């Protein structure tokens, strides 16, 4: 195997687009309305003599120049705006020089900067989302060769003022200022005139996001004639194919179509901002996408959208954690999107005996701890009898109660430590490994398509997350409230944990599935619908009657019967 350049050995590239089918594809900011009909007509008219010769770009360059109010010798067509960025970096930046860009930014900036092994200075936004102009200007030094300005910016959506752009240009006399206008059409702003006015400016444009020919890959550079000649010296001679050339000319000829697209996107944008601002932070945008902070609900919403055939872009770390960059679809699709995101009903699950069979984990840990500390035998039915009494918030309390019933007084810390040794072990190798999922995953996923799902459990957070992740279902739940989230006097049967969940998710109706009288009393206290579930250890009529007496609207023999429960719909 041939080794790459040393500085590229650990590099990771952009994830390729996969051939997947979605009802709505909202992750790459394509124009979902589609290209002008004139584009399709022009492509259909392409004859063999157009594709058996290499493409020529004179007509395309003239068309692009007229569209932008510049001369044709200032235009260089490229295979998408990505290639324009790559050409500029490779033409002007040396390995000992630096590139400045505000962060967050388009990932390809960093990827292409690796080729010459240049340093990239990332200037963080200090306030969401106000361009950090002072810090950008202060970062310019004698080693700065390129400053990348993306306006409107992706993924943040805001435009950068003309004053700030010119301030950078005039402070960067020895550097090229590249203005990425990929989303400029939607903001009704262009800085092509600055490429005429300043020799250290290059504007790059794309025809993917606005003119809807992303699949044909066409972008272009606008810059001083000498800059274009420098770039042309390293550019592929026939990098833009004939079909893309024909499509671009036809697209620009139909300005009425792009005006219609902008109006439709604006209508959907206003609708989405109004609707989603009720449940999330929606940032202003001058683009065809929205940046939305869904907070702790983000992962569950992302999974719900996926299950409904809708692909979005969700950020999982850094300043953008739990934010979506959401392509704005036509208004009819926007309404469907809101309907799925703003589901009305919430289903909250207890874990032990409802989601997860703990007969060979928690129950066995109670038995083993009791027998180890007391030297007496403990029948499993005695554990269930104690559970049915209520008021025992967790299995540590349950074990302590059973020991006291056998006249064994023990420091609570000793009980807890021995219990944890049996149940969890050092790294989850204990009896927790014996747990089984009670609910069918497909049923849970089906519920998640049309409902918000959450967990309210007396487990410690660490153990709750361990099991949910182990069974691969954690991402389906918007909120997970555990013992650790509540003061001791707020544990079940106190309904405070349910109030915490409902205050964040604001559902129309809430249902709580539990297997103990404490669960049903918590539901009653929260004035929501309690649904009893008989655990594997007790399918008796007595427990069913007990749960009903404490407010259960229905008692299910199995948690999987929830799928048949009409009141959830």
Protein backbone atom coordinates (compact mmCIF):
# COMPACT_ATOMS: atom_id res chain seq x y z
CA UNK A 1 0.00 0.00 0.00
CA UNK A 2 1.28 3.46 -0.91
CA UNK A 3 1.26 5.92 1.99
CA UNK A 4 -0.32 9.39 1.52
CA UNK A 5 1.36 12.62 2.57
CA UNK A 6 2.25 12.45 6.25
CA UNK A 7 -0.19 15.18 7.23
CA UNK A 8 -3.06 13.31 5.50
CA UNK A 9 -2.57 9.92 7.16
CA UNK A 10 -5.09 10.61 9.94
CA UNK A 11 -7.40 12.82 7.87
CA UNK A 12 -11.11 12.04 7.60
CA UNK A 13 -13.09 13.17 4.56
CA UNK A 14 -16.67 14.30 4.05
CA UNK A 15 -19.25 11.54 4.44
CA UNK A 16 -20.50 10.54 0.97
CA UNK A 17 -24.17 10.86 0.08
CA UNK A 18 -25.88 7.48 0.26
CA UNK A 19 -28.52 6.21 -2.14
CA UNK A 20 -31.42 6.16 0.29
CA UNK A 21 -35.11 6.77 -0.20
CA UNK A 22 -36.82 9.36 1.96
CA UNK A 23 -40.27 10.90 1.98
CA UNK A 24 -38.51 14.22 2.64
CA UNK A 25 -34.76 14.81 2.34
CA UNK A 26 -34.02 17.89 4.43
CA UNK A 27 -30.34 17.42 5.31
CA UNK A 28 -28.40 19.05 2.42
CA UNK A 29 -30.34 22.25 1.72
CA UNK A 30 -31.19 21.38 -1.86
CA UNK A 31 -33.99 23.28 -3.59
CA UNK A 32 -36.90 20.88 -3.01
CA UNK A 33 -39.19 22.64 -5.48
CA UNK A 34 -36.91 21.70 -8.34
CA UNK A 35 -35.36 23.35 -11.39
CA UNK A 36 -37.07 25.45 -14.00
CA UNK A 37 -38.99 23.44 -16.64
CA UNK A 38 -36.70 25.19 -19.14
CA UNK A 39 -33.76 23.26 -17.66
CA UNK A 40 -35.44 19.91 -18.33
CA UNK A 41 -36.42 21.01 -21.86
CA UNK A 42 -32.87 22.12 -22.63
CA UNK A 43 -31.38 18.86 -21.38
CA UNK A 44 -33.83 16.84 -23.48
CA UNK A 45 -32.71 18.70 -26.58
CA UNK A 46 -29.04 17.77 -26.15
CA UNK A 47 -27.89 15.84 -29.22
CA UNK A 48 -25.01 13.44 -29.78
CA UNK A 49 -22.78 16.12 -31.29
CA UNK A 50 -23.03 18.03 -28.01
CA UNK A 51 -21.70 15.17 -25.88
CA UNK A 52 -19.13 13.49 -28.11
CA UNK A 53 -16.93 16.62 -28.02
CA UNK A 54 -15.35 18.30 -25.02
CA UNK A 55 -17.46 21.13 -23.56
CA UNK A 56 -16.86 24.78 -24.40
CA UNK A 57 -17.62 27.52 -21.89
CA UNK A 58 -17.80 30.80 -23.80
CA UNK A 59 -21.62 31.03 -23.80
CA UNK A 60 -21.80 29.89 -20.19
CA UNK A 61 -19.17 32.42 -19.07
CA UNK A 62 -20.96 35.22 -20.92
CA UNK A 63 -24.28 34.23 -19.36
CA UNK A 64 -22.84 34.07 -15.86
CA UNK A 65 -21.00 37.39 -16.35
CA UNK A 66 -24.15 39.18 -17.49
CA UNK A 67 -26.14 37.66 -14.62
CA UNK A 68 -23.61 39.02 -12.10
CA UNK A 69 -22.75 42.35 -13.73
CA UNK A 70 -19.11 41.51 -14.43
CA UNK A 71 -16.99 40.73 -17.49
CA UNK A 72 -16.57 37.20 -18.87
CA UNK A 73 -12.82 37.17 -18.17
CA UNK A 74 -13.66 37.40 -14.44
CA UNK A 75 -15.59 34.09 -14.57
CA UNK A 76 -14.26 30.56 -14.07
CA UNK A 77 -16.88 27.75 -14.11
CA UNK A 78 -16.19 24.88 -11.68
CA UNK A 79 -17.55 21.46 -10.85
CA UNK A 80 -19.66 22.78 -7.98
CA UNK A 81 -18.69 25.50 -5.51
CA UNK A 82 -16.63 22.86 -3.65
CA UNK A 83 -14.17 22.72 -6.53
CA UNK A 84 -14.01 26.52 -6.61
CA UNK A 85 -12.94 26.49 -2.96
CA UNK A 86 -10.38 23.76 -3.63
CA UNK A 87 -8.88 25.65 -6.58
CA UNK A 88 -8.57 28.89 -4.62
CA UNK A 89 -6.83 27.25 -1.65
CA UNK A 90 -4.44 25.32 -3.87
CA UNK A 91 -3.63 28.37 -6.00
CA UNK A 92 -2.94 30.91 -3.28
CA UNK A 93 -2.10 29.20 0.04
CA UNK A 94 1.32 27.82 1.00
CA UNK A 95 1.98 25.26 3.77
CA UNK A 96 3.42 27.87 6.14
CA UNK A 97 0.47 30.25 5.72
CA UNK A 98 -2.92 30.43 7.40
CA UNK A 99 -6.59 30.60 6.47
CA UNK A 100 -9.09 32.48 8.64
CA UNK A 101 -12.77 31.53 8.89
CA UNK A 102 -15.50 32.07 11.45
CA UNK A 103 -16.72 28.93 13.22
CA UNK A 104 -19.05 27.07 12.79
CA UNK A 105 -18.48 26.82 9.06
CA UNK A 106 -18.67 24.55 6.01
CA UNK A 107 -16.56 21.44 6.71
CA UNK A 108 -14.92 21.44 3.26
CA UNK A 109 -12.97 24.58 4.25
CA UNK A 110 -10.95 22.47 6.67
CA UNK A 111 -10.72 19.46 4.37
CA UNK A 112 -9.29 21.43 1.45
CA UNK A 113 -6.92 23.34 3.76
CA UNK A 114 -5.27 20.00 4.51
CA UNK A 115 -4.01 19.64 0.93
CA UNK A 116 -1.29 22.32 1.20
CA UNK A 117 -1.07 21.57 4.97
CA UNK A 118 -2.07 25.15 5.78
CA UNK A 119 -3.13 26.27 9.24
CA UNK A 120 -6.81 27.14 9.59
CA UNK A 121 -7.70 29.73 12.23
CA UNK A 122 -11.22 29.15 13.49
CA UNK A 123 -12.73 32.29 14.99
CA UNK A 124 -15.58 31.25 17.28
CA UNK A 125 -18.88 33.11 17.42
CA UNK A 126 -19.15 34.72 20.87
CA UNK A 127 -22.85 35.49 20.53
CA UNK A 128 -25.36 33.41 18.59
CA UNK A 129 -25.22 34.29 15.69
CA UNK A 130 -23.40 37.60 15.40
CA UNK A 131 -20.41 37.52 13.07
CA UNK A 132 -17.24 37.95 15.22
CA UNK A 133 -15.89 40.80 13.09
CA UNK A 134 -13.45 42.25 15.63
CA UNK A 135 -11.83 38.89 16.35
CA UNK A 136 -11.59 38.05 12.63
CA UNK A 137 -9.80 41.33 11.88
CA UNK A 138 -7.51 40.90 14.91
CA UNK A 139 -6.54 37.41 13.70
CA UNK A 140 -5.13 38.72 10.39
CA UNK A 141 -1.33 38.62 10.40
CA UNK A 142 1.59 38.47 7.97
CA UNK A 143 0.99 34.73 7.49
CA UNK A 144 -2.68 35.12 6.57
CA UNK A 145 -3.20 34.31 2.89
CA UNK A 146 -6.91 33.56 2.68
CA UNK A 147 -9.98 34.74 4.62
CA UNK A 148 -13.18 32.81 3.97
CA UNK A 149 -16.47 34.63 4.47
CA UNK A 150 -19.67 32.67 3.93
CA UNK A 151 -22.73 34.87 3.63
CA UNK A 152 -25.36 33.84 4.43
CA UNK A 153 -23.45 31.43 6.61
CA UNK A 154 -24.04 27.71 6.89
CA UNK A 155 -25.19 26.35 9.26
CA UNK A 156 -26.11 29.51 11.16
CA UNK A 157 -28.20 31.23 8.45
CA UNK A 158 -27.25 34.88 9.00
CA UNK A 159 -25.82 37.33 6.47
CA UNK A 160 -22.71 39.40 7.10
CA UNK A 161 -23.03 43.14 6.54
CA UNK A 162 -21.34 44.92 3.64
CA UNK A 163 -19.53 47.15 6.15
CA UNK A 164 -17.97 44.16 7.91
CA UNK A 165 -16.96 42.52 4.64
CA UNK A 166 -15.24 45.68 3.39
CA UNK A 167 -13.56 46.12 6.75
CA UNK A 168 -11.98 42.68 6.33
CA UNK A 169 -10.99 43.39 2.72
CA UNK A 170 -9.23 46.63 3.59
CA UNK A 171 -7.43 45.00 6.54
CA UNK A 172 -6.23 42.09 4.43
CA UNK A 173 -4.17 43.75 1.71
CA UNK A 174 -1.82 40.74 1.43
CA UNK A 175 -4.53 38.09 1.55
CA UNK A 176 -7.32 36.97 -0.71
CA UNK A 177 -10.81 37.43 0.72
CA UNK A 178 -13.10 34.69 -0.57
CA UNK A 179 -16.83 35.39 -0.27
CA UNK A 180 -18.90 32.23 -0.50
CA UNK A 181 -22.37 33.17 -1.77
CA UNK A 182 -23.83 29.67 -2.02
CA UNK A 183 -27.06 30.90 -0.36
CA UNK A 184 -26.88 34.50 -1.61
CA UNK A 185 -29.90 34.24 -3.91
CA UNK A 186 -32.23 33.68 -0.96
CA UNK A 187 -30.85 36.72 0.85
CA UNK A 188 -31.20 38.89 -2.27
CA UNK A 189 -27.59 39.95 -1.80
CA UNK A 190 -24.50 39.62 -3.94
CA UNK A 191 -20.98 40.96 -3.56
CA UNK A 192 -19.85 40.38 -7.12
CA UNK A 193 -19.31 44.15 -7.40
CA UNK A 194 -16.56 43.87 -4.77
CA UNK A 195 -14.62 41.57 -7.10
CA UNK A 196 -14.64 44.41 -9.63
CA UNK A 197 -13.60 46.96 -7.03
CA UNK A 198 -10.91 45.00 -5.15
CA UNK A 199 -8.19 42.81 -6.66
CA UNK A 200 -7.95 40.71 -3.48
CA UNK A 201 -11.56 39.47 -3.62
CA UNK A 202 -12.95 36.25 -5.07
CA UNK A 203 -16.66 35.44 -4.96
CA UNK A 204 -17.78 31.85 -5.36
CA UNK A 205 -21.28 30.82 -6.27
CA UNK A 206 -23.22 27.60 -6.59
CA UNK A 207 -26.25 26.69 -8.66
CA UNK A 208 -27.23 23.83 -6.34
CA UNK A 209 -29.22 25.49 -3.56
CA UNK A 210 -31.19 28.01 -5.62
CA UNK A 211 -31.36 26.87 -9.25
CA UNK A 212 -31.78 23.21 -8.21
CA UNK A 213 -29.13 21.58 -10.37
CA UNK A 214 -27.14 20.12 -7.47
CA UNK A 215 -26.89 16.75 -9.22
CA UNK A 216 -25.16 18.33 -12.21
CA UNK A 217 -22.50 20.07 -10.05
CA UNK A 218 -22.01 23.61 -11.28
CA UNK A 219 -20.40 26.49 -9.43
CA UNK A 220 -18.16 29.35 -10.48
CA UNK A 221 -15.58 31.88 -9.35
CA UNK A 222 -15.82 35.64 -9.89
CA UNK A 223 -12.55 37.49 -9.39
CA UNK A 224 -10.01 39.83 -10.93
CA UNK A 225 -8.88 38.64 -14.37
CA UNK A 226 -5.33 37.99 -13.13
CA UNK A 227 -6.62 35.92 -10.20
CA UNK A 228 -8.74 33.87 -12.58
CA UNK A 229 -5.70 33.24 -14.79
CA UNK A 230 -3.69 32.08 -11.78
CA UNK A 231 -6.46 29.67 -10.80
CA UNK A 232 -6.88 28.45 -14.37
CA UNK A 233 -3.23 27.41 -14.34
CA UNK A 234 -4.05 24.54 -11.97
CA UNK A 235 -7.67 23.87 -13.02
CA UNK A 236 -8.85 20.92 -15.07
CA UNK A 237 -9.48 22.10 -18.64
CA UNK A 238 -12.91 20.44 -19.04
CA UNK A 239 -14.10 20.17 -15.46
CA UNK A 240 -17.74 21.15 -16.10
CA UNK A 241 -19.73 18.74 -18.26
CA UNK A 242 -21.90 19.73 -21.21
CA UNK A 243 -25.20 18.84 -19.53
CA UNK A 244 -24.41 21.10 -16.57
CA UNK A 245 -23.42 23.89 -18.95
CA UNK A 246 -26.69 23.67 -20.90
CA UNK A 247 -28.74 23.41 -17.70
CA UNK A 248 -27.09 26.46 -16.11
CA UNK A 249 -27.74 28.67 -19.13
CA UNK A 250 -31.40 27.58 -19.23
CA UNK A 251 -31.81 28.08 -15.45
CA UNK A 252 -30.51 31.65 -15.54
CA UNK A 253 -32.85 32.43 -18.43
CA UNK A 254 -35.87 31.72 -16.23
CA UNK A 255 -35.70 34.30 -13.45
CA UNK A 256 -39.48 34.02 -12.94
CA UNK A 257 -38.97 30.45 -11.75
CA UNK A 258 -36.34 31.33 -9.16
CA UNK A 259 -38.55 34.20 -7.94
CA UNK A 260 -41.39 31.69 -7.47
CA UNK A 261 -39.05 29.37 -5.56
CA UNK A 262 -37.99 32.18 -3.22
CA UNK A 263 -41.60 33.18 -2.50
CA UNK A 264 -42.59 29.57 -1.77
CA UNK A 265 -39.60 29.07 0.52
CA UNK A 266 -40.33 32.32 2.33
CA UNK A 267 -43.94 31.27 2.92
CA UNK A 268 -42.80 27.92 4.36
CA UNK A 269 -40.09 29.60 6.40
CA UNK A 270 -42.55 31.95 8.09
CA UNK A 271 -44.89 29.05 8.83
CA UNK A 272 -42.13 26.86 10.29
CA UNK A 273 -40.74 29.67 12.44
CA UNK A 274 -44.20 30.39 13.87
CA UNK A 275 -45.03 26.74 14.59
CA UNK A 276 -41.66 25.46 15.80
CA UNK A 277 -40.88 28.49 17.97
CA UNK A 278 -43.52 27.10 20.36
CA UNK A 279 -41.30 24.12 21.21
CA UNK A 280 -37.75 25.11 20.22
CA UNK A 281 -35.38 28.02 19.61
CA UNK A 282 -35.55 28.92 15.91
CA UNK A 283 -32.82 31.31 14.74
CA UNK A 284 -33.39 33.96 12.05
CA UNK A 285 -32.32 32.83 8.59
CA UNK A 286 -31.74 34.49 5.22
CA UNK A 287 -31.40 31.12 3.52
CA UNK A 288 -33.49 28.14 2.42
CA UNK A 289 -32.81 26.39 5.74
CA UNK A 290 -33.43 27.00 9.43
CA UNK A 291 -31.11 26.40 12.36
CA UNK A 292 -33.21 25.10 15.26
CA UNK A 293 -32.17 24.23 18.82
CA UNK A 294 -34.43 21.41 20.06
CA UNK A 295 -32.50 20.96 23.32
CA UNK A 296 -32.80 17.57 25.01
CA UNK A 297 -35.67 16.61 22.68
CA UNK A 298 -33.37 16.69 19.65
CA UNK A 299 -32.36 13.03 19.44
CA UNK A 300 -35.89 11.74 19.94
CA UNK A 301 -37.25 14.16 17.31
CA UNK A 302 -34.48 13.15 14.90
CA UNK A 303 -35.33 9.46 15.37
CA UNK A 304 -39.07 10.14 15.01
CA UNK A 305 -38.51 12.00 11.75
CA UNK A 306 -36.31 9.18 10.43
CA UNK A 307 -39.02 6.64 11.26
CA UNK A 308 -41.42 8.77 9.23
CA UNK A 309 -39.03 8.82 6.27
CA UNK A 310 -37.66 12.34 6.87
CA UNK A 311 -33.89 12.93 6.87
CA UNK A 312 -32.52 16.00 8.64
CA UNK A 313 -29.09 17.26 9.70
CA UNK A 314 -28.56 17.08 13.48
CA UNK A 315 -25.39 18.26 15.20
CA UNK A 316 -24.24 16.15 18.15
CA UNK A 317 -21.43 18.13 19.79
CA UNK A 318 -19.92 21.54 20.40
CA UNK A 319 -21.82 24.81 20.28
CA UNK A 320 -24.31 23.28 17.82
CA UNK A 321 -25.19 20.24 19.95
CA UNK A 322 -28.91 19.39 19.67
CA UNK A 323 -29.35 21.85 16.78
CA UNK A 324 -30.95 20.87 13.48
CA UNK A 325 -30.09 22.47 10.16
CA UNK A 326 -33.40 21.94 8.43
CA UNK A 327 -33.94 22.46 4.72
CA UNK A 328 -37.17 24.39 4.16
CA UNK A 329 -39.59 22.30 2.07
CA UNK A 330 -42.67 23.52 0.13
CA UNK A 331 -45.57 24.55 2.33
CA UNK A 332 -47.54 21.29 2.02
CA UNK A 333 -44.51 19.31 3.20
CA UNK A 334 -43.77 21.89 5.89
CA UNK A 335 -47.22 21.26 7.39
CA UNK A 336 -46.60 17.52 7.45
CA UNK A 337 -43.20 18.11 9.05
CA UNK A 338 -44.72 20.20 11.85
CA UNK A 339 -47.43 17.62 12.41
CA UNK A 340 -44.78 14.95 13.03
CA UNK A 341 -42.52 17.13 15.18
CA UNK A 342 -45.35 18.53 17.30
CA UNK A 343 -47.02 15.24 18.22
CA UNK A 344 -49.78 15.76 20.77
CA UNK A 345 -49.63 12.72 23.05
CA UNK A 346 -46.87 11.66 25.44
CA UNK A 347 -46.27 8.11 26.69
CA UNK A 348 -44.08 7.83 29.80
CA UNK A 349 -42.69 4.42 30.76
CA UNK A 350 -41.51 3.10 34.08
CA UNK A 351 -38.53 0.82 33.42
CA UNK A 352 -38.46 -2.13 35.81
CA UNK A 353 -41.24 -4.60 35.12
CA UNK A 354 -42.55 -2.47 32.24
CA UNK A 355 -39.79 -1.89 29.69
CA UNK A 356 -37.33 -4.36 31.18
CA UNK A 357 -37.64 -7.73 32.94
CA UNK A 358 -35.61 -7.42 36.13
CA UNK A 359 -36.49 -10.82 37.59
CA UNK A 360 -32.90 -12.02 37.13
CA UNK A 361 -31.26 -8.67 37.87
CA UNK A 362 -32.77 -6.29 40.42
CA UNK A 363 -34.97 -8.96 42.02
CA UNK A 364 -32.06 -11.38 42.20
CA UNK A 365 -29.80 -8.63 43.60
CA UNK A 366 -32.36 -8.00 46.36
CA UNK A 367 -32.44 -11.71 47.17
CA UNK A 368 -28.64 -12.11 47.12
CA UNK A 369 -28.02 -8.96 49.19
CA UNK A 370 -30.64 -9.96 51.75
CA UNK A 371 -29.28 -13.49 52.07
CA UNK A 372 -25.65 -12.33 52.24
CA UNK A 373 -26.32 -9.80 55.00
CA UNK A 374 -28.90 -11.77 56.98
CA UNK A 375 -27.78 -15.35 56.50
CA UNK A 376 -31.42 -16.19 55.86
CA UNK A 377 -33.24 -17.40 52.77
CA UNK A 378 -35.61 -15.02 50.93
CA UNK A 379 -38.39 -16.45 48.72
CA UNK A 380 -38.92 -14.35 45.55
CA UNK A 381 -42.64 -14.03 46.25
CA UNK A 382 -41.79 -12.08 49.41
CA UNK A 383 -40.11 -9.46 47.21
CA UNK A 384 -43.22 -9.01 45.09
CA UNK A 385 -45.42 -8.82 48.19
CA UNK A 386 -43.26 -5.99 49.51
CA UNK A 387 -43.32 -4.21 46.12
CA UNK A 388 -47.11 -4.31 46.16
CA UNK A 389 -47.19 -2.42 49.45
CA UNK A 390 -45.91 0.75 47.75
CA UNK A 391 -43.80 3.49 49.30
CA UNK A 392 -40.48 1.73 48.63
CA UNK A 393 -38.88 4.10 46.16
CA UNK A 394 -36.09 1.81 44.96
CA UNK A 395 -34.65 -1.65 45.52
CA UNK A 396 -32.17 -0.37 48.11
CA UNK A 397 -35.13 0.74 50.22
CA UNK A 398 -36.87 -2.55 49.44
CA UNK A 399 -33.87 -4.57 50.61
CA UNK A 400 -33.54 -2.51 53.77
CA UNK A 401 -37.27 -3.01 54.50
CA UNK A 402 -37.01 -6.79 54.06
CA UNK A 403 -33.97 -6.94 56.34
CA UNK A 404 -35.79 -4.97 59.04
CA UNK A 405 -38.76 -7.31 58.71
CA UNK A 406 -36.33 -10.11 59.55
CA UNK A 407 -34.98 -8.14 62.52
CA UNK A 408 -31.67 -7.33 60.80
CA UNK A 409 -30.56 -3.74 61.37
CA UNK A 410 -27.86 -2.64 58.94
CA UNK A 411 -26.21 0.62 57.93
CA UNK A 412 -27.85 1.71 54.65
CA UNK A 413 -24.50 2.31 52.98
CA UNK A 414 -23.47 -1.33 53.56
CA UNK A 415 -26.75 -2.48 51.98
CA UNK A 416 -26.28 -0.21 48.96
CA UNK A 417 -22.64 -1.20 48.40
CA UNK A 418 -23.37 -4.92 48.55
CA UNK A 419 -26.45 -4.54 46.36
CA UNK A 420 -24.46 -2.62 43.71
CA UNK A 421 -21.70 -5.22 43.81
CA UNK A 422 -24.24 -7.91 42.87
CA UNK A 423 -26.34 -5.83 40.50
CA UNK A 424 -23.93 -3.62 38.54
CA UNK A 425 -20.43 -4.73 39.41
CA UNK A 426 -17.51 -2.54 38.45
CA UNK A 427 -18.38 -1.78 34.82
CA UNK A 428 -21.79 -3.29 34.23
CA UNK A 429 -20.69 -6.93 34.33
CA UNK A 430 -23.07 -7.82 37.20
CA UNK A 431 -26.64 -9.15 37.22
CA UNK A 432 -27.68 -6.23 35.02
CA UNK A 433 -26.44 -8.38 32.14
CA UNK A 434 -29.35 -10.78 32.79
CA UNK A 435 -32.00 -8.21 31.93
CA UNK A 436 -34.39 -8.80 29.07
CA UNK A 437 -36.36 -6.25 27.05
CA UNK A 438 -40.08 -6.72 27.67
CA UNK A 439 -41.37 -4.41 24.96
CA UNK A 440 -40.96 -5.38 21.33
CA UNK A 441 -38.58 -2.91 19.66
CA UNK A 442 -40.80 -2.63 16.60
CA UNK A 443 -43.78 -1.71 18.78
CA UNK A 444 -41.70 0.92 20.56
CA UNK A 445 -40.55 2.34 17.22
CA UNK A 446 -44.11 2.34 15.93
CA UNK A 447 -45.22 4.31 18.99
CA UNK A 448 -42.31 6.73 18.54
CA UNK A 449 -43.49 7.61 15.02
CA UNK A 450 -46.62 9.33 16.34
CA UNK A 451 -45.98 10.00 20.03
CA UNK A 452 -43.42 11.56 22.30
CA UNK A 453 -41.84 8.89 24.50
CA UNK A 454 -40.16 9.39 27.88
CA UNK A 455 -38.97 7.41 30.91
CA UNK A 456 -39.70 8.06 34.59
CA UNK A 457 -37.91 5.51 36.76
CA UNK A 458 -36.64 5.02 40.30
CA UNK A 459 -33.35 3.71 38.93
CA UNK A 460 -30.11 5.68 39.30
CA UNK A 461 -29.23 7.56 36.09
CA UNK A 462 -26.14 5.47 35.34
CA UNK A 463 -28.06 2.19 35.44
CA UNK A 464 -31.05 3.53 33.50
CA UNK A 465 -28.87 4.81 30.66
CA UNK A 466 -26.75 1.65 30.65
CA UNK A 467 -29.78 -0.59 30.04
CA UNK A 468 -31.49 1.72 27.54
CA UNK A 469 -28.27 1.98 25.53
CA UNK A 470 -27.64 -1.77 25.85
CA UNK A 471 -31.01 -2.49 24.24
CA UNK A 472 -30.56 0.25 21.63
CA UNK A 473 -33.66 2.22 22.56
CA UNK A 474 -32.30 5.28 24.40
CA UNK A 475 -32.63 7.55 21.37
CA UNK A 476 -36.37 6.97 21.22
CA UNK A 477 -36.99 8.86 24.47
CA UNK A 478 -37.20 12.66 24.64
CA UNK A 479 -36.74 12.83 28.42
CA UNK A 480 -35.32 10.33 30.91
CA UNK A 481 -36.01 11.22 34.56
CA UNK A 482 -34.33 9.01 37.16
CA UNK A 483 -33.71 8.87 40.89
CA UNK A 484 -30.73 11.21 40.50
CA UNK A 485 -32.91 14.00 39.07
CA UNK A 486 -35.12 14.24 42.16
CA UNK A 487 -34.66 15.03 45.84
CA UNK A 488 -35.53 12.18 48.19
CA UNK A 489 -38.93 13.63 49.08
CA UNK A 490 -39.76 14.04 45.37
CA UNK A 491 -39.42 10.34 44.48
CA UNK A 492 -42.47 8.28 43.47
CA UNK A 493 -45.31 8.26 44.40
CA UNK A 494 -44.67 12.03 44.28
CA UNK A 495 -45.62 13.10 40.72
CA UNK A 496 -42.85 15.72 40.45
CA UNK A 497 -40.84 13.68 37.93
CA UNK A 498 -43.88 13.52 35.64
CA UNK A 499 -44.37 17.28 35.98
CA UNK A 500 -40.72 17.78 34.97
CA UNK A 501 -41.25 15.80 31.79
CA UNK A 502 -44.55 17.44 30.88
CA UNK A 503 -43.23 20.97 31.49
CA UNK A 504 -40.50 20.38 28.91
CA UNK A 505 -42.52 18.51 26.28
CA UNK A 506 -45.90 20.25 26.69
CA UNK A 507 -48.07 17.36 25.45
CA UNK A 508 -51.83 17.48 24.97
CA UNK A 509 -52.38 14.14 26.75
CA UNK A 510 -50.01 12.07 28.88
CA UNK A 511 -50.10 8.36 29.71
CA UNK A 512 -47.86 6.73 32.32
CA UNK A 513 -47.21 2.98 32.20
CA UNK A 514 -46.17 1.44 35.51
CA UNK A 515 -46.33 -1.85 37.40
CA UNK A 516 -46.66 -0.61 41.01
CA UNK A 517 -49.17 1.30 43.06
CA UNK A 518 -46.56 4.07 43.44
CA UNK A 519 -46.60 4.49 39.65
CA UNK A 520 -50.39 4.76 39.58
CA UNK A 521 -50.44 7.18 42.50
CA UNK A 522 -47.85 9.35 40.72
CA UNK A 523 -50.08 9.40 37.62
CA UNK A 524 -53.10 10.33 39.74
CA UNK A 525 -51.12 13.11 41.42
CA UNK A 526 -50.08 14.48 38.02
CA UNK A 527 -53.72 14.27 36.81
CA UNK A 528 -52.73 12.12 33.83
CA UNK A 529 -53.77 8.70 32.58
CA UNK A 530 -52.19 5.84 34.54
CA UNK A 531 -51.89 2.51 32.72
CA UNK A 532 -51.04 -0.52 34.82
CA UNK A 533 -48.75 -3.22 33.45
CA UNK A 534 -48.48 -6.65 35.10
CA UNK A 535 -44.78 -7.54 35.50
CA UNK A 536 -43.47 -11.02 34.59
CA UNK A 537 -43.24 -11.91 38.31
CA UNK A 538 -46.92 -11.22 39.09
CA UNK A 539 -49.77 -11.70 36.63
CA UNK A 540 -52.27 -12.15 39.46
CA UNK A 541 -55.82 -10.85 39.65
CA UNK A 542 -54.87 -9.40 43.02
CA UNK A 543 -52.22 -7.07 41.52
CA UNK A 544 -54.56 -6.15 38.68
CA UNK A 545 -57.24 -5.21 41.21
CA UNK A 546 -54.70 -3.30 43.30
CA UNK A 547 -53.47 -1.22 40.33
CA UNK A 548 -57.07 -0.45 39.35
CA UNK A 549 -57.86 0.66 42.89
CA UNK A 550 -54.98 3.17 42.72
CA UNK A 551 -56.26 4.84 39.56
CA UNK A 552 -55.16 2.70 36.59
CA UNK A 553 -57.55 3.38 33.70
CA UNK A 554 -56.65 -0.06 32.36
CA UNK A 555 -54.27 -2.85 33.36
CA UNK A 556 -52.33 -4.59 30.58
CA UNK A 557 -51.19 -8.18 30.86
CA UNK A 558 -48.17 -7.28 28.73
CA UNK A 559 -46.61 -3.93 27.88
CA UNK A 560 -46.87 -4.92 24.21
CA UNK A 561 -50.66 -4.69 24.48
CA UNK A 562 -50.23 -0.91 24.52
CA UNK A 563 -50.23 -0.93 20.70
CA UNK A 564 -53.94 -1.94 20.81
CA UNK A 565 -54.92 0.79 23.25
CA UNK A 566 -57.22 3.09 21.26
CA UNK A 567 -57.10 6.03 23.67
CA UNK A 568 -53.48 6.69 22.69
CA UNK A 569 -54.41 7.64 19.13
